[in-house]
Protein backbone atom coordinates (compact mmCIF):
# COMPACT_ATOMS: atom_id res chain seq x y z
CA MET A 1 0.00 0.00 0.00
CA TRP A 2 2.86 2.31 0.90
CA CYS A 3 4.55 1.76 -2.50
CA TRP A 4 1.33 2.45 -4.33
CA THR A 5 0.80 5.69 -2.36
CA VAL A 6 4.36 6.89 -3.02
CA TRP A 7 4.11 5.92 -6.69
CA SER A 8 0.77 7.75 -7.01
CA CYS A 9 2.10 10.92 -5.37
CA MET A 10 5.29 10.85 -7.42
CA ASN A 11 3.28 10.25 -10.59
CA ARG A 12 1.08 13.29 -9.85
CA MET A 13 4.10 15.45 -9.02
CA VAL A 14 5.99 14.46 -12.17
CA ALA A 15 2.88 14.98 -14.31
CA LYS A 16 2.34 18.44 -12.76
CA VAL A 17 5.97 19.49 -13.37
CA THR A 18 5.88 18.15 -16.92
CA ARG A 19 2.63 19.98 -17.73
CA ARG A 20 4.02 23.20 -16.25
CA ASN A 21 7.23 22.91 -18.30
CA GLU A 22 5.30 22.16 -21.49
CA PHE A 23 3.00 25.12 -20.86
CA MET A 24 5.93 27.45 -20.25
CA ALA A 25 7.70 26.17 -23.37
CA ALA A 26 4.53 26.73 -25.40
CA GLN A 27 4.25 30.28 -24.04
CA LYS A 28 7.89 30.96 -24.88
CA THR A 29 7.41 29.62 -28.40
CA ALA A 30 4.28 31.73 -28.87
CA ARG A 31 6.11 34.83 -27.60
CA ASP A 32 9.02 34.16 -29.97
CA VAL A 33 6.62 33.70 -32.87
CA MET A 34 4.76 36.90 -32.00
CA ASP A 35 8.04 38.82 -31.72
CA GLY A 36 9.07 37.52 -35.12
CA GLU A 37 5.66 38.31 -36.59
CA GLU A 38 5.77 41.76 -35.05
CA ASP A 39 9.07 42.42 -36.78
CA THR A 40 7.59 41.14 -40.03
CA ILE A 41 4.50 43.31 -39.60
CA VAL A 42 6.60 46.40 -38.90
CA THR A 43 8.75 45.67 -41.95
CA SER A 44 5.63 45.29 -44.12
CA MET A 45 4.18 48.51 -42.75
CA LYS A 46 7.41 50.32 -43.61
CA ARG A 47 7.20 48.98 -47.15
CA PHE A 48 3.69 50.37 -47.60
CA ALA A 49 4.24 53.63 -45.70
CA ASN A 50 4.40 55.67 -48.91
CA ASP A 51 1.14 54.39 -50.41
CA ALA A 52 -0.58 57.71 -49.71
CA LYS A 53 2.12 59.49 -51.70
CA CYS A 54 1.60 57.06 -54.58
CA VAL A 55 -2.02 58.15 -54.93
CA GLY A 56 -0.89 61.76 -55.21
CA TYR A 57 1.78 60.82 -57.75
CA LEU A 58 -0.81 58.93 -59.81
CA GLU A 59 -3.13 61.95 -59.83
CA GLU A 60 -0.25 64.16 -61.01
CA PHE A 61 0.74 61.54 -63.58
CA ARG A 62 -2.79 61.49 -64.95
CA ALA A 63 -2.86 65.27 -65.38
CA GLU A 64 0.58 65.31 -67.02
CA THR A 65 -0.33 62.41 -69.30
CA GLU A 66 -3.58 64.02 -70.42
CA ALA A 67 -1.69 67.23 -71.24
CA LYS A 68 0.94 65.33 -73.21
CA ILE A 69 -1.65 63.26 -75.06
CA ALA A 70 -3.48 66.46 -76.00
CA SER A 71 -0.29 67.87 -77.54
CA TYR A 72 0.63 64.57 -79.24
CA PRO A 73 -1.38 64.99 -82.49
CA GLY A 74 0.16 68.43 -83.08
CA ALA A 75 3.65 67.07 -82.46
CA LEU A 76 2.96 64.12 -84.76
CA VAL A 77 1.80 66.44 -87.56
CA GLN A 78 4.87 68.63 -87.07
CA LYS A 79 7.17 65.57 -87.23
CA MET A 80 5.48 64.35 -90.41
CA ARG A 81 5.78 67.85 -91.91
CA ASP A 82 9.49 67.98 -91.04
CA ASP A 83 10.08 64.53 -92.56
CA LEU A 84 8.20 65.49 -95.72
CA THR A 85 10.15 68.75 -96.02
CA GLU A 86 13.43 66.89 -95.60
CA ARG A 87 12.53 64.32 -98.27
CA ALA A 88 11.35 67.02 -100.67
CA ALA A 89 14.58 68.96 -100.13
CA LYS A 90 16.63 65.83 -100.90
CA GLN A 91 14.56 65.17 -104.02
CA LEU A 92 14.99 68.76 -105.19
CA GLN A 93 18.72 68.56 -104.48
CA ALA A 94 18.96 65.37 -106.52
CA SER A 95 17.04 67.02 -109.40
CA ALA A 96 19.30 70.09 -109.24
CA SER A 97 22.40 67.86 -109.30
CA PHE A 98 20.99 65.94 -112.29
CA GLU A 99 20.21 69.16 -114.21
CA ALA A 100 23.65 70.55 -113.43
CA GLY A 101 25.24 67.29 -114.66
CA MET A 102 23.16 67.39 -117.88
CA GLY A 103 23.99 71.06 -118.42
CA ALA A 104 27.68 70.35 -118.04
CA ALA A 105 27.42 67.41 -120.45
CA MET A 106 25.88 69.57 -123.19
């Protein structure tokens, strides 16, 4: 009877100590995880800290883009006019060179 009583008490004591140690280890693990997650959350928040500025930049970009798109057809016409003038000048230069060559040959 005495052995059974001692074994029962020792069993309860060991079980209590084991449960306490497991609980404390679980709390420590949870605290470590939360600390790590907190660092991750802070890092993520730092990454997205300038999102409000991005909205402002997008609004400015839209206004600038609309202004540039409005001036695009005029710039395109001017470029085409410049290209056409350049080609016509080359053609006229070639004709003048040909006439000068024919005049010299006669």
